[in-house]
Amino acid sequence: MSIEDHLEFRLLKYFVAVVEAGTFTAAAARLHVAQSAVSTQIRALEDILNVTLFDREHGNSLTAEGRLMFHYAKSSLKTRTRFIQTLQAIHSGTLQPLRLGFSPFVQKALLHSVSAVYKEVLPDCEMIPESGDTDQVIERIQSNKLDAAIVTLPVVGDDLEAHVLEREPLVVCMRNTDPLAEYEVVPPSSLDNKISIFTYQRHHPTAYNRLVEMFAEIGITPRPCEPTLNIEHVQWMVREGHCYSLIRAGRTLMNGLVTKPIAGVDWTIDTALVLRTDNENPALSLFVEELTNRFRQSPEIPEKKPVASVRVRATRPKTSHEKNDDQIDLFAVADKRK
């Protein structure tokens, strides 16, 4: 039999208990077994893996192998528990549909991908989608009227966690005959007092406020305007020579338009799955785990983060590196008439 065949969940349970309890004696009390039984199981686990998990000469601290094992064991035990609970809920008919919100800034392709993963993981479980402005769907998560939502960051809430699924660079859109089209990157000074933020004021004010801050950090003062969500109209204005725009790098452009990055910044659109940190829905947890594993294809996509720490302005002065690493979901248009 292979090592995989011998690596039972019972051994992982004993190992995690020792690490979390701090001593073999405390772990035995927690598991309601004799200390000798705990010691025997840990030795068996080490023999199976042919590694030493505890440094017994230094107070049973974890070895490098032990630290890796602890991460794997906790994750495996948690997934196992969620799977059993979900299976039992399906069998008893008590599993509720997933109430999933999404904001208007989320791309359709991403929504289709998320829906496909859910149907694959939980094929017989219903999903109830609901669209709304970012603040609306976040408030519904916090009041337990939605289970989760796919939104563009930033959002704020100490009771929330975010799993970034997609990150797309932002670039300036202009006519291909515009003088700025000759630049490799657009100087921020060329946009000062010319850029207008045509969206987010109403539908994502947190992102709008953060965008204004980011513009200020690179010396740009935006020009007031009436908001619009119609991206085709914005591109039409660009093509007619009335404005510049800041758009997703992957967005399809009208004929006669090109895109260029802004010099000295690295702004992106971050789209994330957001849910409550105290979520106890095992099916949702299984879905989130599978979803984040599928979308974690780039080292730039982070692990789960508390939402309060995502794209929120720092209270201390920022270094130039930190300023350049700011990221926000935005769409803005610059008036070139000045």
Protein backbone atom coordinates (compact mmCIF):
# COMPACT_ATOMS: atom_id res chain seq x y z
CA MET A 1 0.00 0.00 0.00
CA SER A 2 1.14 3.56 -0.77
CA ILE A 3 1.70 6.37 1.71
CA GLU A 4 -1.58 7.90 0.51
CA ASP A 5 -3.44 4.74 1.50
CA HIS A 6 -2.06 4.93 5.07
CA LEU A 7 -2.64 8.65 5.59
CA GLU A 8 -5.95 8.46 7.44
CA PHE A 9 -7.98 11.40 8.68
CA ARG A 10 -7.70 9.99 12.20
CA LEU A 11 -3.95 10.54 12.17
CA LEU A 12 -4.42 14.09 10.92
CA LYS A 13 -6.95 14.72 13.68
CA TYR A 14 -4.50 13.59 16.37
CA PHE A 15 -1.69 15.67 14.88
CA VAL A 16 -3.78 18.86 14.72
CA ALA A 17 -4.98 18.29 18.28
CA VAL A 18 -1.39 18.15 19.57
CA VAL A 19 -0.38 21.30 17.73
CA GLU A 20 -3.43 23.28 18.82
CA ALA A 21 -3.50 22.00 22.41
CA GLY A 22 0.23 22.58 22.85
CA THR A 23 1.15 19.27 24.52
CA PHE A 24 0.47 15.58 24.08
CA THR A 25 -1.26 15.53 27.48
CA ALA A 26 -3.61 18.39 26.60
CA ALA A 27 -4.35 16.81 23.23
CA ALA A 28 -5.24 13.49 24.90
CA ALA A 29 -7.69 15.31 27.19
CA ARG A 30 -9.21 17.08 24.23
CA LEU A 31 -9.62 13.81 22.30
CA HIS A 32 -10.75 11.85 25.40
CA VAL A 33 -8.06 9.21 24.94
CA ALA A 34 -4.93 8.16 26.83
CA GLN A 35 -1.73 10.10 26.24
CA SER A 36 -0.04 6.92 25.08
CA ALA A 37 -2.63 6.62 22.30
CA VAL A 38 -1.82 10.12 21.07
CA SER A 39 1.92 9.43 21.14
CA THR A 40 1.41 6.17 19.26
CA GLN A 41 -0.64 7.83 16.52
CA ILE A 42 1.86 10.65 16.05
CA ARG A 43 4.71 8.14 15.80
CA ALA A 44 2.69 6.17 13.26
CA LEU A 45 2.12 9.32 11.22
CA GLU A 46 5.83 10.15 11.25
CA ASP A 47 6.71 6.58 10.28
CA ILE A 48 4.26 6.60 7.37
CA LEU A 49 5.64 9.87 6.04
CA ASN A 50 9.23 9.07 7.02
CA VAL A 51 9.66 12.56 8.51
CA THR A 52 9.94 14.12 11.98
CA LEU A 53 7.02 16.43 12.69
CA PHE A 54 7.97 17.56 16.21
CA ASP A 55 11.33 18.71 17.53
CA ARG A 56 11.17 16.78 20.80
CA GLU A 57 14.44 18.27 22.06
CA HIS A 58 12.97 21.77 22.03
CA GLY A 59 9.57 21.48 23.66
CA ASN A 60 7.85 19.59 20.86
CA SER A 61 7.98 22.59 18.51
CA LEU A 62 7.10 21.89 14.90
CA THR A 63 9.79 21.10 12.37
CA ALA A 64 9.67 22.56 8.86
CA GLU A 65 7.87 19.39 7.76
CA GLY A 66 5.54 19.70 10.72
CA ARG A 67 4.55 23.26 9.83
CA LEU A 68 3.72 22.20 6.29
CA MET A 69 1.84 19.19 7.61
CA PHE A 70 -0.20 21.35 10.00
CA HIS A 71 -1.36 23.59 7.15
CA TYR A 72 -2.36 20.57 5.05
CA ALA A 73 -3.99 18.70 7.93
CA LYS A 74 -6.15 21.61 9.08
CA SER A 75 -7.30 22.33 5.54
CA SER A 76 -8.05 18.66 4.83
CA LEU A 77 -9.99 18.14 8.05
CA LYS A 78 -12.02 21.31 7.46
CA THR A 79 -12.85 20.28 3.88
CA ARG A 80 -13.82 16.79 5.07
CA THR A 81 -16.18 18.24 7.69
CA ARG A 82 -17.77 20.60 5.18
CA PHE A 83 -18.24 17.78 2.69
CA ILE A 84 -19.97 15.53 5.24
CA GLN A 85 -22.22 18.35 6.44
CA THR A 86 -23.16 19.26 2.88
CA LEU A 87 -23.83 15.63 2.00
CA GLN A 88 -26.09 15.25 5.03
CA ALA A 89 -27.94 18.49 4.23
CA ILE A 90 -28.60 17.31 0.66
CA HIS A 91 -29.81 13.94 1.94
CA SER A 92 -32.14 15.51 4.48
CA GLY A 93 -33.41 18.14 2.07
CA THR A 94 -32.25 21.02 4.28
CA LEU A 95 -29.61 22.49 1.98
CA GLN A 96 -30.71 25.99 1.04
CA PRO A 97 -30.11 27.60 -2.40
CA LEU A 98 -27.04 29.82 -2.71
CA ARG A 99 -28.12 33.47 -2.66
CA LEU A 100 -25.44 35.16 -4.77
CA GLY A 101 -25.35 38.89 -5.42
CA PHE A 102 -23.34 40.71 -8.05
CA SER A 103 -22.71 44.33 -8.96
CA PRO A 104 -23.12 45.90 -12.44
CA PHE A 105 -19.33 46.28 -12.83
CA VAL A 106 -18.72 42.51 -12.87
CA GLN A 107 -18.00 41.09 -16.32
CA LYS A 108 -20.51 38.59 -17.74
CA ALA A 109 -17.77 36.10 -18.59
CA LEU A 110 -16.72 35.92 -14.94
CA LEU A 111 -20.32 35.42 -13.82
CA HIS A 112 -20.70 32.56 -16.28
CA SER A 113 -17.48 30.96 -15.00
CA VAL A 114 -18.56 31.24 -11.37
CA SER A 115 -21.96 29.75 -12.18
CA ALA A 116 -20.33 26.87 -14.06
CA VAL A 117 -18.09 26.03 -11.08
CA TYR A 118 -21.09 26.04 -8.73
CA LYS A 119 -23.05 23.70 -10.99
CA GLU A 120 -20.06 21.39 -11.16
CA VAL A 121 -19.43 21.32 -7.40
CA LEU A 122 -23.11 21.22 -6.35
CA PRO A 123 -25.01 20.08 -9.47
CA ASP A 124 -28.38 19.61 -7.77
CA CYS A 125 -28.31 22.76 -5.64
CA GLU A 126 -30.08 25.89 -6.81
CA MET A 127 -28.40 29.28 -7.14
CA ILE A 128 -30.46 32.45 -6.78
CA PRO A 129 -28.65 35.41 -8.41
CA GLU A 130 -29.43 39.00 -7.49
CA SER A 131 -28.05 42.18 -9.04
CA GLY A 132 -27.58 45.48 -7.23
CA ASP A 133 -25.24 48.36 -6.54
CA THR A 134 -22.13 47.39 -4.59
CA ASP A 135 -23.24 48.95 -1.31
CA GLN A 136 -26.65 47.29 -1.64
CA VAL A 137 -25.35 43.76 -2.09
CA ILE A 138 -22.74 44.22 0.67
CA GLU A 139 -25.46 45.43 3.08
CA ARG A 140 -27.55 42.38 2.16
CA ILE A 141 -24.63 40.08 2.96
CA GLN A 142 -24.16 41.77 6.33
CA SER A 143 -27.88 41.46 7.12
CA ASN A 144 -27.84 37.77 6.03
CA LYS A 145 -30.15 38.33 3.06
CA LEU A 146 -27.41 37.17 0.68
CA ASP A 147 -24.83 34.43 1.23
CA ALA A 148 -22.11 36.01 -0.92
CA ALA A 149 -21.58 38.48 -3.72
CA ILE A 150 -19.21 39.07 -6.63
CA VAL A 151 -18.20 42.73 -6.61
CA THR A 152 -15.37 44.99 -7.60
CA LEU A 153 -13.17 46.24 -4.78
CA PRO A 154 -12.79 48.11 -2.55
CA VAL A 155 -15.52 47.32 -0.06
CA VAL A 156 -15.34 47.96 3.66
CA GLY A 157 -16.47 45.75 6.54
CA ASP A 158 -14.67 44.12 9.45
CA ASP A 159 -17.19 41.27 9.27
CA LEU A 160 -16.38 40.43 5.65
CA GLU A 161 -13.69 38.52 3.78
CA ALA A 162 -12.75 38.81 0.12
CA HIS A 163 -11.38 36.23 -2.32
CA VAL A 164 -9.96 37.94 -5.41
CA LEU A 165 -10.99 36.07 -8.55
CA GLU A 166 -9.88 38.39 -11.31
CA ARG A 167 -7.43 41.26 -11.67
CA GLU A 168 -7.26 43.29 -14.87
CA PRO A 169 -4.98 46.27 -15.63
CA LEU A 170 -6.42 49.70 -16.38
CA VAL A 171 -5.22 51.75 -19.34
CA VAL A 172 -6.06 55.07 -20.98
CA CYS A 173 -8.23 54.88 -24.10
CA MET A 174 -7.78 57.52 -26.83
CA ARG A 175 -8.07 58.04 -30.57
CA ASN A 176 -5.24 56.46 -32.52
CA THR A 177 -4.54 59.89 -34.04
CA ASP A 178 -4.27 61.64 -30.66
CA PRO A 179 -0.82 63.13 -29.84
CA LEU A 180 -0.70 61.01 -26.64
CA ALA A 181 -0.93 57.87 -28.79
CA GLU A 182 2.71 58.46 -29.71
CA TYR A 183 3.76 57.91 -26.07
CA GLU A 184 4.67 54.51 -24.66
CA VAL A 185 3.06 55.64 -21.38
CA VAL A 186 0.82 58.63 -20.69
CA PRO A 187 2.28 61.31 -18.36
CA PRO A 188 -0.10 62.00 -15.45
CA SER A 189 0.37 65.74 -15.96
CA SER A 190 -1.36 65.47 -19.33
CA LEU A 191 -4.56 64.40 -17.52
CA ASP A 192 -4.62 67.04 -14.76
CA ASN A 193 -7.90 69.00 -14.66
CA LYS A 194 -9.10 67.04 -17.68
CA ILE A 195 -10.28 63.72 -16.28
CA SER A 196 -13.88 63.12 -15.23
CA ILE A 197 -15.11 60.06 -13.35
CA PHE A 198 -18.31 59.11 -15.15
CA THR A 199 -19.24 56.13 -12.99
CA TYR A 200 -19.09 54.92 -9.36
CA GLN A 201 -20.40 58.13 -7.79
CA ARG A 202 -23.83 56.52 -7.48
CA HIS A 203 -23.18 52.80 -7.89
CA HIS A 204 -19.91 52.33 -5.98
CA PRO A 205 -19.08 55.47 -3.93
CA THR A 206 -16.30 53.74 -1.98
CA ALA A 207 -14.46 53.07 -5.25
CA TYR A 208 -15.16 56.59 -6.46
CA ASN A 209 -13.70 58.17 -3.31
CA ARG A 210 -10.64 55.94 -3.47
CA LEU A 211 -10.13 56.81 -7.12
CA VAL A 212 -10.18 60.53 -6.32
CA GLU A 213 -7.52 59.89 -3.66
CA MET A 214 -5.38 57.93 -6.12
CA PHE A 215 -5.60 60.68 -8.71
CA ALA A 216 -4.51 63.19 -6.08
CA GLU A 217 -1.50 61.03 -5.22
CA ILE A 218 -0.17 61.40 -8.78
CA GLY A 219 -1.09 65.08 -9.12
CA ILE A 220 -4.38 64.79 -11.00
CA THR A 221 -7.45 66.85 -10.13
CA PRO A 222 -10.60 65.40 -11.75
CA ARG A 223 -13.17 67.60 -13.45
CA PRO A 224 -16.78 67.32 -12.15
CA CYS A 225 -19.28 65.68 -14.50
CA GLU A 226 -22.64 63.95 -14.67
CA PRO A 227 -22.22 60.17 -14.21
CA THR A 228 -23.08 57.53 -16.80
CA LEU A 229 -22.74 53.75 -16.93
CA ASN A 230 -22.97 53.43 -20.70
CA ILE A 231 -19.47 52.39 -21.76
CA GLU A 232 -20.37 52.50 -25.47
CA HIS A 233 -21.35 56.15 -25.14
CA VAL A 234 -18.05 56.90 -23.41
CA GLN A 235 -16.07 55.20 -26.17
CA TRP A 236 -18.09 57.13 -28.74
CA MET A 237 -17.10 60.39 -26.99
CA VAL A 238 -13.46 59.29 -27.10
CA ARG A 239 -13.68 58.51 -30.79
CA GLU A 240 -15.32 61.85 -31.49
CA GLY A 241 -12.41 63.59 -29.80
CA HIS A 242 -14.28 64.90 -26.78
CA CYS A 243 -12.46 62.95 -24.06
CA TYR A 244 -9.99 60.31 -22.87
CA SER A 245 -11.09 57.30 -20.85
CA LEU A 246 -9.56 54.85 -18.38
CA ILE A 247 -10.74 51.32 -19.18
CA ARG A 248 -10.01 47.65 -18.65
CA ALA A 249 -7.08 46.49 -20.75
CA GLY A 250 -9.12 43.58 -22.13
CA ARG A 251 -12.17 45.59 -23.17
CA THR A 252 -13.13 45.50 -26.85
CA LEU A 253 -12.52 48.89 -28.47
CA MET A 254 -14.34 50.70 -31.25
CA ASN A 255 -12.44 51.22 -34.48
CA GLY A 256 -10.02 54.12 -34.32
CA LEU A 257 -9.23 53.76 -30.60
CA VAL A 258 -6.05 52.62 -28.84
CA THR A 259 -4.95 52.23 -25.21
CA LYS A 260 -1.83 53.28 -23.29
CA PRO A 261 -0.81 52.81 -19.62
CA ILE A 262 -0.33 55.75 -17.25
CA ALA A 263 3.28 56.36 -16.31
CA GLY A 264 4.31 55.46 -12.77
CA VAL A 265 1.18 53.61 -11.66
CA ASP A 266 -0.12 50.05 -11.74
CA TRP A 267 -3.88 50.34 -11.33
CA THR A 268 -6.13 47.32 -11.78
CA ILE A 269 -9.71 46.23 -11.49
CA ASP A 270 -9.99 43.66 -8.68
CA THR A 271 -13.13 41.53 -8.73
CA ALA A 272 -13.73 39.40 -5.64
CA LEU A 273 -16.16 37.01 -4.03
CA VAL A 274 -17.18 38.58 -0.72
CA LEU A 275 -18.89 36.82 2.20
CA ARG A 276 -19.21 37.07 5.96
CA THR A 277 -16.24 35.92 8.01
CA ASP A 278 -18.60 34.03 10.35
CA ASN A 279 -20.17 32.08 7.50
CA GLU A 280 -21.20 28.61 8.68
CA ASN A 281 -22.77 27.31 5.47
CA PRO A 282 -20.69 24.19 4.63
CA ALA A 283 -21.84 24.12 1.00
CA LEU A 284 -20.84 27.75 0.51
CA SER A 285 -17.46 27.05 2.08
CA LEU A 286 -16.89 24.11 -0.28
CA PHE A 287 -17.86 26.28 -3.23
CA VAL A 288 -15.57 29.14 -2.15
CA GLU A 289 -12.64 26.74 -1.72
CA GLU A 290 -13.12 25.24 -5.16
CA LEU A 291 -13.70 28.64 -6.76
CA THR A 292 -10.57 30.24 -5.34
CA ASN A 293 -8.50 27.19 -6.29
CA ARG A 294 -9.74 27.47 -9.89
CA PHE A 295 -9.05 31.19 -10.17
CA ARG A 296 -5.72 31.21 -8.31
CA GLN A 297 -3.74 30.86 -11.55
CA SER A 298 -1.43 33.84 -11.05
CA PRO A 299 0.95 34.70 -8.19
CA GLU A 300 -0.61 38.18 -8.32
CA ILE A 301 -3.93 36.80 -7.09
CA PRO A 302 -3.76 36.83 -3.26
CA GLU A 303 -5.12 34.47 -0.69
CA LYS A 304 -8.24 35.36 1.30
CA LYS A 305 -8.02 38.78 2.96
CA PRO A 306 -10.18 40.63 5.46
CA VAL A 307 -12.08 43.20 3.43
CA ALA A 308 -11.08 46.01 5.77
CA SER A 309 -7.48 45.57 4.64
CA VAL A 310 -8.22 45.50 0.92
CA ARG A 311 -7.56 48.72 -1.00
CA VAL A 312 -8.19 50.93 2.04
CA ARG A 313 -6.20 54.12 2.42
CA ALA A 314 -3.29 53.82 4.84
CA THR A 315 -3.11 56.13 7.88
CA ARG A 316 0.67 56.59 7.52
CA PRO A 317 2.43 58.29 4.60
CA LYS A 318 2.90 55.90 1.68
CA THR A 319 6.17 55.04 0.01
CA SER A 320 6.42 55.52 -3.73
CA HIS A 321 6.30 51.73 -4.16
CA GLU A 322 3.05 51.49 -2.19
CA LYS A 323 1.49 54.31 -4.18
CA ASN A 324 2.30 52.56 -7.44
CA ASP A 325 0.83 49.30 -6.12
CA ASP A 326 -2.61 50.82 -5.40
CA GLN A 327 -5.39 49.06 -7.24
CA ILE A 328 -9.01 50.00 -7.78
CA ASP A 329 -11.93 49.15 -9.99
CA LEU A 330 -12.74 52.28 -11.97
CA PHE A 331 -13.85 53.76 -15.24
CA ALA A 332 -13.07 57.40 -15.87
CA VAL A 333 -13.13 59.83 -18.78
CA ALA A 334 -10.89 62.85 -19.38
CA ASP A 335 -12.08 66.01 -21.10
CA LYS A 336 -9.40 67.15 -23.58
CA ARG A 337 -10.87 70.54 -24.33
CA LYS A 338 -8.61 72.37 -21.80
